[in-house]
PDB file of all heavy atoms in Angstrom:
ATOM      1  N   LEU A   1      -6.261  37.275 -22.537  1.00  0.00           N
ATOM      2  CA  LEU A   1      -6.214  38.467 -21.749  1.00  0.00           C
ATOM      3  C   LEU A   1      -5.134  38.224 -20.639  1.00  0.00           C
ATOM      4  O   LEU A   1      -4.752  37.094 -20.304  1.00  0.00           O
ATOM      5  CB  LEU A   1      -7.558  38.801 -21.132  1.00  0.00           C
ATOM      6  CG  LEU A   1      -8.665  39.011 -22.135  1.00  0.00           C
ATOM      7  CD1 LEU A   1      -9.994  39.152 -21.424  1.00  0.00           C
ATOM      8  CD2 LEU A   1      -8.373  40.203 -23.048  1.00  0.00           C
ATOM      9  N   ALA A   2      -4.609  39.314 -20.089  1.00  0.00           N
ATOM     10  CA  ALA A   2      -3.608  39.216 -19.044  1.00  0.00           C
ATOM     11  C   ALA A   2      -3.979  38.262 -17.894  1.00  0.00           C
ATOM     12  O   ALA A   2      -3.204  37.432 -17.509  1.00  0.00           O
ATOM     13  CB  ALA A   2      -3.232  40.595 -18.519  1.00  0.00           C
ATOM     14  N   ALA A   3      -5.184  38.342 -17.432  1.00  0.00           N
ATOM     15  CA  ALA A   3      -5.610  37.480 -16.303  1.00  0.00           C
ATOM     16  C   ALA A   3      -5.681  35.995 -16.744  1.00  0.00           C
ATOM     17  O   ALA A   3      -5.397  35.082 -15.960  1.00  0.00           O
ATOM     18  CB  ALA A   3      -6.989  37.942 -15.851  1.00  0.00           C
ATOM     19  N   GLN A   4      -5.965  35.751 -18.025  1.00  0.00           N
ATOM     20  CA  GLN A   4      -6.003  34.417 -18.487  1.00  0.00           C
ATOM     21  C   GLN A   4      -4.547  33.831 -18.613  1.00  0.00           C
ATOM     22  O   GLN A   4      -4.355  32.661 -18.304  1.00  0.00           O
ATOM     23  CB  GLN A   4      -6.711  34.368 -19.849  1.00  0.00           C
ATOM     24  CG  GLN A   4      -8.189  34.719 -19.744  1.00  0.00           C
ATOM     25  CD  GLN A   4      -8.787  34.935 -21.105  1.00  0.00           C
ATOM     26  OE1 GLN A   4      -8.184  35.336 -22.050  1.00  0.00           O
ATOM     27  NE2 GLN A   4     -10.145  34.833 -21.125  1.00  0.00           N
ATOM     28  N   VAL A   5      -3.615  34.634 -19.063  1.00  0.00           N
ATOM     29  CA  VAL A   5      -2.277  34.257 -19.227  1.00  0.00           C
ATOM     30  C   VAL A   5      -1.733  33.830 -17.810  1.00  0.00           C
ATOM     31  O   VAL A   5      -1.142  32.791 -17.572  1.00  0.00           O
ATOM     32  CB  VAL A   5      -1.374  35.292 -19.804  1.00  0.00           C
ATOM     33  CG1 VAL A   5       0.161  34.985 -19.636  1.00  0.00           C
ATOM     34  CG2 VAL A   5      -1.680  35.547 -21.236  1.00  0.00           C
ATOM     35  N   LEU A   6      -1.991  34.739 -16.824  1.00  0.00           N
ATOM     36  CA  LEU A   6      -1.512  34.489 -15.438  1.00  0.00           C
ATOM     37  C   LEU A   6      -2.149  33.316 -14.771  1.00  0.00           C
ATOM     38  O   LEU A   6      -1.433  32.478 -14.170  1.00  0.00           O
ATOM     39  CB  LEU A   6      -1.731  35.731 -14.584  1.00  0.00           C
ATOM     40  CG  LEU A   6      -0.926  37.017 -14.972  1.00  0.00           C
ATOM     41  CD1 LEU A   6      -1.374  38.157 -14.148  1.00  0.00           C
ATOM     42  CD2 LEU A   6       0.539  36.696 -14.721  1.00  0.00           C
ATOM     43  N   LEU A   7      -3.473  33.098 -14.961  1.00  0.00           N
ATOM     44  CA  LEU A   7      -4.169  31.923 -14.451  1.00  0.00           C
ATOM     45  C   LEU A   7      -3.648  30.663 -15.158  1.00  0.00           C
ATOM     46  O   LEU A   7      -3.388  29.641 -14.370  1.00  0.00           O
ATOM     47  CB  LEU A   7      -5.633  32.131 -14.638  1.00  0.00           C
ATOM     48  CG  LEU A   7      -6.487  30.942 -14.066  1.00  0.00           C
ATOM     49  CD1 LEU A   7      -6.324  30.804 -12.553  1.00  0.00           C
ATOM     50  CD2 LEU A   7      -7.930  31.146 -14.465  1.00  0.00           C
ATOM     51  N   ASN A   8      -3.499  30.695 -16.442  1.00  0.00           N
ATOM     52  CA  ASN A   8      -2.986  29.530 -17.121  1.00  0.00           C
ATOM     53  C   ASN A   8      -1.655  29.151 -16.596  1.00  0.00           C
ATOM     54  O   ASN A   8      -1.330  27.966 -16.320  1.00  0.00           O
ATOM     55  CB  ASN A   8      -2.983  29.815 -18.679  1.00  0.00           C
ATOM     56  CG  ASN A   8      -2.748  28.579 -19.438  1.00  0.00           C
ATOM     57  OD1 ASN A   8      -1.630  27.986 -19.495  1.00  0.00           O
ATOM     58  ND2 ASN A   8      -3.753  28.133 -20.174  1.00  0.00           N
ATOM     59  N   ASN A   9      -0.734  30.113 -16.512  1.00  0.00           N
ATOM     60  CA  ASN A   9       0.603  29.862 -16.034  1.00  0.00           C
ATOM     61  C   ASN A   9       0.647  29.325 -14.609  1.00  0.00           C
ATOM     62  O   ASN A   9       1.345  28.367 -14.275  1.00  0.00           O
ATOM     63  CB  ASN A   9       1.482  31.083 -16.127  1.00  0.00           C
ATOM     64  CG  ASN A   9       1.959  31.406 -17.601  1.00  0.00           C
ATOM     65  OD1 ASN A   9       1.847  30.589 -18.484  1.00  0.00           O
ATOM     66  ND2 ASN A   9       2.308  32.601 -17.818  1.00  0.00           N
ATOM     67  N   PHE A  10      -0.176  29.935 -13.796  1.00  0.00           N
ATOM     68  CA  PHE A  10      -0.264  29.472 -12.412  1.00  0.00           C
ATOM     69  C   PHE A  10      -0.687  28.020 -12.233  1.00  0.00           C
ATOM     70  O   PHE A  10      -0.130  27.198 -11.548  1.00  0.00           O
ATOM     71  CB  PHE A  10      -1.213  30.446 -11.600  1.00  0.00           C
ATOM     72  CG  PHE A  10      -1.411  29.930 -10.202  1.00  0.00           C
ATOM     73  CD1 PHE A  10      -0.501  29.995  -9.150  1.00  0.00           C
ATOM     74  CD2 PHE A  10      -2.730  29.419  -9.858  1.00  0.00           C
ATOM     75  CE1 PHE A  10      -0.744  29.553  -7.880  1.00  0.00           C
ATOM     76  CE2 PHE A  10      -3.018  28.978  -8.561  1.00  0.00           C
ATOM     77  CZ  PHE A  10      -2.055  28.977  -7.636  1.00  0.00           C
ATOM     78  N   LEU A  11      -1.828  27.729 -12.908  1.00  0.00           N
ATOM     79  CA  LEU A  11      -2.393  26.397 -12.853  1.00  0.00           C
ATOM     80  C   LEU A  11      -1.446  25.340 -13.495  1.00  0.00           C
ATOM     81  O   LEU A  11      -1.368  24.252 -12.986  1.00  0.00           O
ATOM     82  CB  LEU A  11      -3.815  26.341 -13.550  1.00  0.00           C
ATOM     83  CG  LEU A  11      -4.926  27.106 -12.842  1.00  0.00           C
ATOM     84  CD1 LEU A  11      -6.180  27.123 -13.714  1.00  0.00           C
ATOM     85  CD2 LEU A  11      -5.129  26.630 -11.474  1.00  0.00           C
ATOM     86  N   SER A  12      -0.714  25.676 -14.568  1.00  0.00           N
ATOM     87  CA  SER A  12       0.159  24.711 -15.190  1.00  0.00           C
ATOM     88  C   SER A  12       1.400  24.477 -14.346  1.00  0.00           C
ATOM     89  O   SER A  12       2.036  23.431 -14.529  1.00  0.00           O
ATOM     90  CB  SER A  12       0.419  25.137 -16.616  1.00  0.00           C
ATOM     91  OG  SER A  12       1.307  26.314 -16.620  1.00  0.00           O
ATOM     92  N   ASP A  13       1.733  25.447 -13.480  1.00  0.00           N
ATOM     93  CA  ASP A  13       2.851  25.263 -12.548  1.00  0.00           C
ATOM     94  C   ASP A  13       2.571  24.393 -11.375  1.00  0.00           C
ATOM     95  O   ASP A  13       3.525  23.869 -10.712  1.00  0.00           O
ATOM     96  CB  ASP A  13       3.413  26.682 -12.124  1.00  0.00           C
ATOM     97  CG  ASP A  13       4.116  27.337 -13.234  1.00  0.00           C
ATOM     98  OD1 ASP A  13       4.475  26.703 -14.270  1.00  0.00           O
ATOM     99  OD2 ASP A  13       4.395  28.581 -13.038  1.00  0.00           O
ATOM    100  N   ILE A  14       1.384  24.315 -10.973  1.00  0.00           N
ATOM    101  CA  ILE A  14       1.050  23.529  -9.741  1.00  0.00           C
ATOM    102  C   ILE A  14       1.545  22.120  -9.765  1.00  0.00           C
ATOM    103  O   ILE A  14       2.188  21.664  -8.775  1.00  0.00           O
ATOM    104  CB  ILE A  14      -0.513  23.638  -9.527  1.00  0.00           C
ATOM    105  CG1 ILE A  14      -0.867  25.020  -9.054  1.00  0.00           C
ATOM    106  CG2 ILE A  14      -0.858  22.629  -8.379  1.00  0.00           C
ATOM    107  CD1 ILE A  14      -2.336  25.261  -8.910  1.00  0.00           C
ATOM    108  N   PRO A  15       1.403  21.354 -10.919  1.00  0.00           N
ATOM    109  CA  PRO A  15       2.001  19.976 -10.831  1.00  0.00           C
ATOM    110  C   PRO A  15       3.537  19.969 -10.650  1.00  0.00           C
ATOM    111  O   PRO A  15       4.026  18.986 -10.076  1.00  0.00           O
ATOM    112  CB  PRO A  15       1.606  19.378 -12.169  1.00  0.00           C
ATOM    113  CG  PRO A  15       0.364  20.167 -12.556  1.00  0.00           C
ATOM    114  CD  PRO A  15       0.624  21.538 -12.064  1.00  0.00           C
ATOM    115  N   ALA A  16       4.162  20.956 -11.049  1.00  0.00           N
ATOM    116  CA  ALA A  16       5.662  21.014 -10.843  1.00  0.00           C
ATOM    117  C   ALA A  16       5.990  20.892  -9.417  1.00  0.00           C
ATOM    118  O   ALA A  16       7.094  20.474  -9.098  1.00  0.00           O
ATOM    119  CB  ALA A  16       6.203  22.246 -11.460  1.00  0.00           C
ATOM    120  N   LEU A  17       5.137  21.343  -8.533  1.00  0.00           N
ATOM    121  CA  LEU A  17       5.374  21.316  -7.131  1.00  0.00           C
ATOM    122  C   LEU A  17       5.480  19.865  -6.610  1.00  0.00           C
ATOM    123  O   LEU A  17       6.120  19.594  -5.588  1.00  0.00           O
ATOM    124  CB  LEU A  17       4.274  22.008  -6.312  1.00  0.00           C
ATOM    125  CG  LEU A  17       4.132  23.498  -6.608  1.00  0.00           C
ATOM    126  CD1 LEU A  17       2.894  24.050  -5.874  1.00  0.00           C
ATOM    127  CD2 LEU A  17       5.387  24.236  -6.141  1.00  0.00           C
ATOM    128  N   ALA A  18       4.944  18.898  -7.360  1.00  0.00           N
ATOM    129  CA  ALA A  18       5.009  17.509  -6.953  1.00  0.00           C
ATOM    130  C   ALA A  18       6.044  16.739  -7.693  1.00  0.00           C
ATOM    131  O   ALA A  18       6.117  15.505  -7.454  1.00  0.00           O
ATOM    132  CB  ALA A  18       3.606  16.913  -7.115  1.00  0.00           C
ATOM    133  N   ILE A  19       6.846  17.297  -8.541  1.00  0.00           N
ATOM    134  CA  ILE A  19       7.804  16.594  -9.272  1.00  0.00           C
ATOM    135  C   ILE A  19       8.793  15.877  -8.342  1.00  0.00           C
ATOM    136  O   ILE A  19       9.205  14.761  -8.615  1.00  0.00           O
ATOM    137  CB  ILE A  19       8.487  17.397 -10.327  1.00  0.00           C
ATOM    138  CG1 ILE A  19       7.521  17.761 -11.475  1.00  0.00           C
ATOM    139  CG2 ILE A  19       9.733  16.743 -10.875  1.00  0.00           C
ATOM    140  CD1 ILE A  19       8.076  18.687 -12.520  1.00  0.00           C
ATOM    141  N   GLY A  20       9.079  16.451  -7.259  1.00  0.00           N
ATOM    142  CA  GLY A  20      10.091  15.840  -6.309  1.00  0.00           C
ATOM    143  C   GLY A  20       9.559  14.593  -5.691  1.00  0.00           C
ATOM    144  O   GLY A  20      10.357  13.755  -5.181  1.00  0.00           O
ATOM    145  N   THR A  21       8.184  14.307  -5.808  1.00  0.00           N
ATOM    146  CA  THR A  21       7.689  13.062  -5.216  1.00  0.00           C
ATOM    147  C   THR A  21       7.468  12.027  -6.283  1.00  0.00           C
ATOM    148  O   THR A  21       6.880  10.966  -6.027  1.00  0.00           O
ATOM    149  CB  THR A  21       6.224  13.366  -4.549  1.00  0.00           C
ATOM    150  OG1 THR A  21       5.315  13.748  -5.615  1.00  0.00           O
ATOM    151  CG2 THR A  21       6.396  14.476  -3.513  1.00  0.00           C
ATOM    152  N   ASP A  22       7.849  12.361  -7.519  1.00  0.00           N
ATOM    153  CA  ASP A  22       7.615  11.468  -8.664  1.00  0.00           C
ATOM    154  C   ASP A  22       8.456  10.167  -8.562  1.00  0.00           C
ATOM    155  O   ASP A  22       9.528  10.176  -7.930  1.00  0.00           O
ATOM    156  CB  ASP A  22       7.967  12.156 -10.022  1.00  0.00           C
ATOM    157  CG  ASP A  22       7.396  11.406 -11.182  1.00  0.00           C
ATOM    158  OD1 ASP A  22       6.574  10.556 -11.051  1.00  0.00           O
ATOM    159  OD2 ASP A  22       7.874  11.761 -12.351  1.00  0.00           O
ATOM    160  N   ASN A  23       7.954   9.106  -9.101  1.00  0.00           N
ATOM    161  CA  ASN A  23       8.737   7.843  -9.190  1.00  0.00           C
ATOM    162  C   ASN A  23       9.776   7.990 -10.268  1.00  0.00           C
ATOM    163  O   ASN A  23       9.616   8.792 -11.241  1.00  0.00           O
ATOM    164  CB  ASN A  23       7.759   6.613  -9.535  1.00  0.00           C
ATOM    165  CG  ASN A  23       6.738   6.364  -8.538  1.00  0.00           C
ATOM    166  OD1 ASN A  23       7.037   6.564  -7.295  1.00  0.00           O
ATOM    167  ND2 ASN A  23       5.618   5.958  -8.879  1.00  0.00           N
ATOM    168  N   VAL A  24      10.882   7.233 -10.116  1.00  0.00           N
ATOM    169  CA  VAL A  24      11.917   7.270 -11.090  1.00  0.00           C
ATOM    170  C   VAL A  24      11.938   5.906 -11.750  1.00  0.00           C
ATOM    171  O   VAL A  24      11.957   4.838 -11.052  1.00  0.00           O
ATOM    172  CB  VAL A  24      13.280   7.583 -10.400  1.00  0.00           C
ATOM    173  CG1 VAL A  24      14.429   7.523 -11.387  1.00  0.00           C
ATOM    174  CG2 VAL A  24      13.268   8.867  -9.686  1.00  0.00           C
ATOM    175  N   ASP A  25      12.046   5.932 -13.120  1.00  0.00           N
ATOM    176  CA  ASP A  25      12.097   4.654 -13.878  1.00  0.00           C
ATOM    177  C   ASP A  25      13.375   3.861 -13.489  1.00  0.00           C
ATOM    178  O   ASP A  25      14.467   4.503 -13.263  1.00  0.00           O
ATOM    179  CB  ASP A  25      12.115   4.919 -15.347  1.00  0.00           C
ATOM    180  CG  ASP A  25      10.758   5.556 -15.733  1.00  0.00           C
ATOM    181  OD1 ASP A  25       9.795   5.317 -15.173  1.00  0.00           O
ATOM    182  OD2 ASP A  25      10.801   6.397 -16.796  1.00  0.00           O
ATOM    183  N   ASP A  26      13.308   2.564 -13.432  1.00  0.00           N
ATOM    184  CA  ASP A  26      14.430   1.761 -13.027  1.00  0.00           C
ATOM    185  C   ASP A  26      15.619   1.997 -13.995  1.00  0.00           C
ATOM    186  O   ASP A  26      16.747   2.045 -13.554  1.00  0.00           O
ATOM    187  CB  ASP A  26      14.048   0.178 -13.191  1.00  0.00           C
ATOM    188  CG  ASP A  26      13.119  -0.123 -12.019  1.00  0.00           C
ATOM    189  OD1 ASP A  26      13.111   0.512 -10.992  1.00  0.00           O
ATOM    190  OD2 ASP A  26      12.380  -1.161 -12.104  1.00  0.00           O
ATOM    191  N   GLU A  27      15.393   2.248 -15.327  1.00  0.00           N
ATOM    192  CA  GLU A  27      16.439   2.404 -16.223  1.00  0.00           C
ATOM    193  C   GLU A  27      17.292   3.697 -15.936  1.00  0.00           C
ATOM    194  O   GLU A  27      18.352   3.766 -16.283  1.00  0.00           O
ATOM    195  CB  GLU A  27      15.916   2.521 -17.729  1.00  0.00           C
ATOM    196  CG  GLU A  27      15.238   3.776 -18.098  1.00  0.00           C
ATOM    197  CD  GLU A  27      15.016   3.912 -19.590  1.00  0.00           C
ATOM    198  OE1 GLU A  27      14.981   2.910 -20.273  1.00  0.00           O
ATOM    199  OE2 GLU A  27      14.839   5.098 -19.970  1.00  0.00           O
ATOM    200  N   ALA A  28      16.581   4.659 -15.246  1.00  0.00           N
ATOM    201  CA  ALA A  28      17.300   5.930 -14.961  1.00  0.00           C
ATOM    202  C   ALA A  28      18.219   5.672 -13.803  1.00  0.00           C
ATOM    203  O   ALA A  28      18.996   6.555 -13.572  1.00  0.00           O
ATOM    204  CB  ALA A  28      16.242   6.998 -14.676  1.00  0.00           C
ATOM    205  N   LEU A  29      18.107   4.566 -13.081  1.00  0.00           N
ATOM    206  CA  LEU A  29      18.862   4.396 -11.853  1.00  0.00           C
ATOM    207  C   LEU A  29      20.080   3.421 -12.114  1.00  0.00           C
ATOM    208  O   LEU A  29      20.837   3.187 -11.188  1.00  0.00           O
ATOM    209  CB  LEU A  29      17.971   3.754 -10.711  1.00  0.00           C
ATOM    210  CG  LEU A  29      16.794   4.627 -10.312  1.00  0.00           C
ATOM    211  CD1 LEU A  29      15.985   3.873  -9.368  1.00  0.00           C
ATOM    212  CD2 LEU A  29      17.295   5.933  -9.703  1.00  0.00           C
ATOM    213  N   THR A  30      20.193   2.948 -13.314  1.00  0.00           N
ATOM    214  CA  THR A  30      21.233   1.959 -13.610  1.00  0.00           C
ATOM    215  C   THR A  30      22.649   2.570 -13.597  1.00  0.00           C
ATOM    216  O   THR A  30      23.577   1.854 -13.170  1.00  0.00           O
ATOM    217  CB  THR A  30      20.989   1.225 -14.990  1.00  0.00           C
ATOM    218  OG1 THR A  30      20.965   2.283 -15.991  1.00  0.00           O
ATOM    219  CG2 THR A  30      19.703   0.460 -14.944  1.00  0.00           C
ATOM    220  N   ALA A  31      22.738   3.777 -14.074  1.00  0.00           N
ATOM    221  CA  ALA A  31      24.062   4.387 -14.085  1.00  0.00           C
ATOM    222  C   ALA A  31      23.903   5.898 -14.090  1.00  0.00           C
ATOM    223  O   ALA A  31      22.901   6.425 -14.458  1.00  0.00           O
ATOM    224  CB  ALA A  31      24.820   3.973 -15.349  1.00  0.00           C
ATOM    225  N   PRO A  32      24.919   6.639 -13.544  1.00  0.00           N
ATOM    226  CA  PRO A  32      24.789   8.027 -13.537  1.00  0.00           C
ATOM    227  C   PRO A  32      24.628   8.614 -14.941  1.00  0.00           C
ATOM    228  O   PRO A  32      25.191   7.967 -15.952  1.00  0.00           O
ATOM    229  CB  PRO A  32      26.138   8.512 -12.900  1.00  0.00           C
ATOM    230  CG  PRO A  32      26.672   7.321 -12.247  1.00  0.00           C
ATOM    231  CD  PRO A  32      26.163   6.135 -12.950  1.00  0.00           C
ATOM    232  N   LYS A  33      23.900   9.650 -15.102  1.00  0.00           N
ATOM    233  CA  LYS A  33      23.728  10.307 -16.438  1.00  0.00           C
ATOM    234  C   LYS A  33      24.313  11.642 -16.521  1.00  0.00           C
ATOM    235  O   LYS A  33      24.337  12.396 -15.479  1.00  0.00           O
ATOM    236  CB  LYS A  33      22.174  10.470 -16.770  1.00  0.00           C
ATOM    237  CG  LYS A  33      21.395   9.167 -16.649  1.00  0.00           C
ATOM    238  CD  LYS A  33      21.609   8.279 -17.779  1.00  0.00           C
ATOM    239  CE  LYS A  33      20.559   7.163 -17.825  1.00  0.00           C
ATOM    240  NZ  LYS A  33      21.224   5.849 -17.586  1.00  0.00           N
ATOM    241  N   ARG A  34      24.909  11.985 -17.606  1.00  0.00           N
ATOM    242  CA  ARG A  34      25.509  13.306 -17.800  1.00  0.00           C
ATOM    243  C   ARG A  34      24.497  14.166 -18.548  1.00  0.00           C
ATOM    244  O   ARG A  34      23.788  13.701 -19.448  1.00  0.00           O
ATOM    245  CB  ARG A  34      26.826  13.204 -18.599  1.00  0.00           C
ATOM    246  CG  ARG A  34      27.874  12.480 -17.872  1.00  0.00           C
ATOM    247  CD  ARG A  34      29.217  12.559 -18.558  1.00  0.00           C
ATOM    248  NE  ARG A  34      29.575  13.948 -18.913  1.00  0.00           N
ATOM    249  CZ  ARG A  34      30.394  14.648 -18.229  1.00  0.00           C
ATOM    250  NH1 ARG A  34      30.982  14.149 -17.102  1.00  0.00           N
ATOM    251  NH2 ARG A  34      30.758  15.830 -18.507  1.00  0.00           N
ATOM    252  N   TRP A  35      24.477  15.504 -18.237  1.00  0.00           N
ATOM    253  CA  TRP A  35      23.637  16.367 -18.996  1.00  0.00           C
ATOM    254  C   TRP A  35      24.162  16.558 -20.416  1.00  0.00           C
ATOM    255  O   TRP A  35      25.391  16.674 -20.606  1.00  0.00           O
ATOM    256  CB  TRP A  35      23.625  17.749 -18.319  1.00  0.00           C
ATOM    257  CG  TRP A  35      22.804  17.738 -17.056  1.00  0.00           C
ATOM    258  CD1 TRP A  35      23.267  17.538 -15.812  1.00  0.00           C
ATOM    259  CD2 TRP A  35      21.411  18.011 -16.947  1.00  0.00           C
ATOM    260  NE1 TRP A  35      22.251  17.566 -14.908  1.00  0.00           N
ATOM    261  CE2 TRP A  35      21.089  17.899 -15.614  1.00  0.00           C
ATOM    262  CE3 TRP A  35      20.470  18.281 -17.849  1.00  0.00           C
ATOM    263  CZ2 TRP A  35      19.824  18.127 -15.119  1.00  0.00           C
ATOM    264  CZ3 TRP A  35      19.189  18.454 -17.407  1.00  0.00           C
ATOM    265  CH2 TRP A  35      18.891  18.350 -16.012  1.00  0.00           C
ATOM    266  N   ASN A  36      23.302  16.558 -21.358  1.00  0.00           N
ATOM    267  CA  ASN A  36      23.683  16.731 -22.746  1.00  0.00           C
ATOM    268  C   ASN A  36      22.956  18.030 -23.231  1.00  0.00           C
ATOM    269  O   ASN A  36      21.734  17.937 -23.561  1.00  0.00           O
ATOM    270  CB  ASN A  36      23.268  15.507 -23.604  1.00  0.00           C
ATOM    271  CG  ASN A  36      23.520  15.644 -25.070  1.00  0.00           C
ATOM    272  OD1 ASN A  36      23.725  16.709 -25.552  1.00  0.00           O
ATOM    273  ND2 ASN A  36      23.709  14.542 -25.695  1.00  0.00           N
TER     274      ASN A  36
END
């Protein structure tokens, strides 16, 4: 139902707010990466 879609999307987006605080793997810091 519409309310379920909206609630599901809202709740699944909440963790995205914390992505900026995530740890970065050491291998990702070894050299600049280009978008592919």
